[in-house]
Amino acid sequence: MAYSRELADSIRSHIGAHPGLTEKEMFGGIAFLVAGNMAVGVTGEELMVRVGKEAHDEAVALPGARVFDLSSRPMRGWLVVATEGIAAPRDLQAWIDRGVGYAETLPPK
């Protein structure tokens, strides 16, 4: 599956020169990892975000968000945000901040 290179470039721009940031192609898209932990990524035209189990219910209720379900096994704490949920730059930045913020709480891999 191809992924939106434009969205990936926007993520790079929003994250900037974050220490420990790496990129890895996975889930048919691209993931942005902080210290080896996935923070955000792109699958198709949509944003993947790792928010953690504790923030899951609040985050999945936001516009455009749904549970990340790669193989009929929903992953609590992982979301996909459709294009309407990230259309405004401030909304995209907020989702990126959630994902990066959560990844920063995890021990390095």
Protein backbone atom coordinates (compact mmCIF):
# COMPACT_ATOMS: atom_id res chain seq x y z
CA MET A 1 0.00 0.00 0.00
CA ALA A 2 1.31 3.43 -0.89
CA TYR A 3 1.25 6.17 1.69
CA SER A 4 0.90 9.93 1.45
CA ARG A 5 4.38 11.35 1.08
CA GLU A 6 2.87 14.82 1.56
CA LEU A 7 1.53 13.83 4.99
CA ALA A 8 4.88 12.23 5.87
CA ASP A 9 6.64 15.48 4.92
CA SER A 10 4.19 17.46 7.06
CA ILE A 11 4.95 15.20 10.02
CA ARG A 12 8.69 15.69 9.50
CA SER A 13 8.15 19.44 9.43
CA HIS A 14 6.01 19.44 12.59
CA ILE A 15 8.36 17.19 14.57
CA GLY A 16 11.53 18.96 13.45
CA ALA A 17 14.94 17.90 14.74
CA HIS A 18 13.72 15.76 17.63
CA PRO A 19 16.47 13.78 19.38
CA GLY A 20 16.11 10.06 18.89
CA LEU A 21 13.73 10.38 15.92
CA THR A 22 13.91 7.62 13.33
CA GLU A 23 11.70 6.54 10.47
CA LYS A 24 10.75 3.01 9.53
CA GLU A 25 8.50 1.61 6.84
CA MET A 26 5.88 -0.59 8.52
CA PHE A 27 2.14 -1.39 8.41
CA GLY A 28 2.25 -0.63 4.67
CA GLY A 29 3.21 2.96 5.44
CA ILE A 30 5.86 4.85 7.33
CA ALA A 31 6.27 5.22 11.09
CA PHE A 32 8.08 7.89 13.06
CA LEU A 33 9.72 6.52 16.19
CA VAL A 34 11.13 8.30 19.22
CA ALA A 35 13.86 6.29 20.96
CA GLY A 36 12.61 3.20 19.12
CA ASN A 37 8.93 3.64 20.11
CA MET A 38 6.34 4.47 17.48
CA ALA A 39 4.81 7.90 17.93
CA VAL A 40 2.98 8.59 14.67
CA GLY A 41 2.91 7.30 11.14
CA VAL A 42 1.14 7.36 7.81
CA THR A 43 -0.97 4.62 6.31
CA GLY A 44 -2.56 5.51 2.99
CA GLU A 45 -3.80 9.09 3.40
CA GLU A 46 -4.38 8.74 7.15
CA LEU A 47 -2.39 9.42 10.29
CA MET A 48 -1.54 6.61 12.75
CA VAL A 49 -1.07 7.81 16.31
CA ARG A 50 0.02 5.95 19.42
CA VAL A 51 -1.68 7.60 22.39
CA GLY A 52 -1.44 4.83 25.00
CA LYS A 53 -4.19 2.86 26.69
CA GLU A 54 -5.00 5.50 29.30
CA ALA A 55 -5.66 8.24 26.71
CA HIS A 56 -7.42 5.91 24.27
CA ASP A 57 -11.09 6.58 25.10
CA GLU A 58 -10.73 10.36 25.10
CA ALA A 59 -8.68 10.42 21.89
CA VAL A 60 -10.86 8.00 19.90
CA ALA A 61 -13.84 10.30 20.53
CA LEU A 62 -12.15 13.18 18.66
CA PRO A 63 -13.18 14.06 15.07
CA GLY A 64 -11.85 11.66 12.45
CA ALA A 65 -10.34 9.20 14.96
CA ARG A 66 -10.96 5.47 15.08
CA VAL A 67 -9.27 2.44 16.59
CA PHE A 68 -6.27 1.10 14.68
CA ASP A 69 -7.35 -2.34 13.50
CA LEU A 70 -4.77 -3.88 11.20
CA SER A 71 -5.97 -7.48 11.21
CA SER A 72 -9.32 -7.66 13.00
CA ARG A 73 -7.48 -7.25 16.31
CA PRO A 74 -8.14 -3.71 17.52
CA MET A 75 -5.12 -2.22 19.25
CA ARG A 76 -6.12 -0.19 22.32
CA GLY A 77 -3.97 2.91 22.55
CA TRP A 78 -3.35 3.08 18.81
CA LEU A 79 -5.57 5.19 16.53
CA VAL A 80 -5.99 6.15 12.91
CA VAL A 81 -7.10 9.68 12.13
CA ALA A 82 -8.86 10.29 8.81
CA THR A 83 -8.02 13.30 6.67
CA GLU A 84 -10.90 15.37 8.06
CA GLY A 85 -9.41 15.07 11.55
CA ILE A 86 -6.05 16.48 10.44
CA ALA A 87 -7.08 18.97 7.75
CA ALA A 88 -6.18 22.02 9.84
CA PRO A 89 -2.46 22.39 10.64
CA ARG A 90 -3.25 22.91 14.34
CA ASP A 91 -5.18 19.62 14.44
CA LEU A 92 -2.33 17.73 12.77
CA GLN A 93 0.11 19.31 15.23
CA ALA A 94 -2.08 18.32 18.19
CA TRP A 95 -2.15 14.67 17.06
CA ILE A 96 1.59 14.64 16.44
CA ASP A 97 2.16 16.14 19.89
CA ARG A 98 0.00 13.39 21.44
CA GLY A 99 1.95 10.65 19.72
CA VAL A 100 5.40 12.10 20.38
CA GLY A 101 4.45 12.94 23.96
CA TYR A 102 3.36 9.38 24.62
CA ALA A 103 6.45 7.87 22.96
CA GLU A 104 8.65 10.07 25.16
CA THR A 105 7.16 8.42 28.27
CA LEU A 106 8.29 4.95 27.20
CA PRO A 107 11.71 3.42 27.91
CA PRO A 108 14.06 3.48 24.90
CA LYS A 109 14.24 0.33 22.81
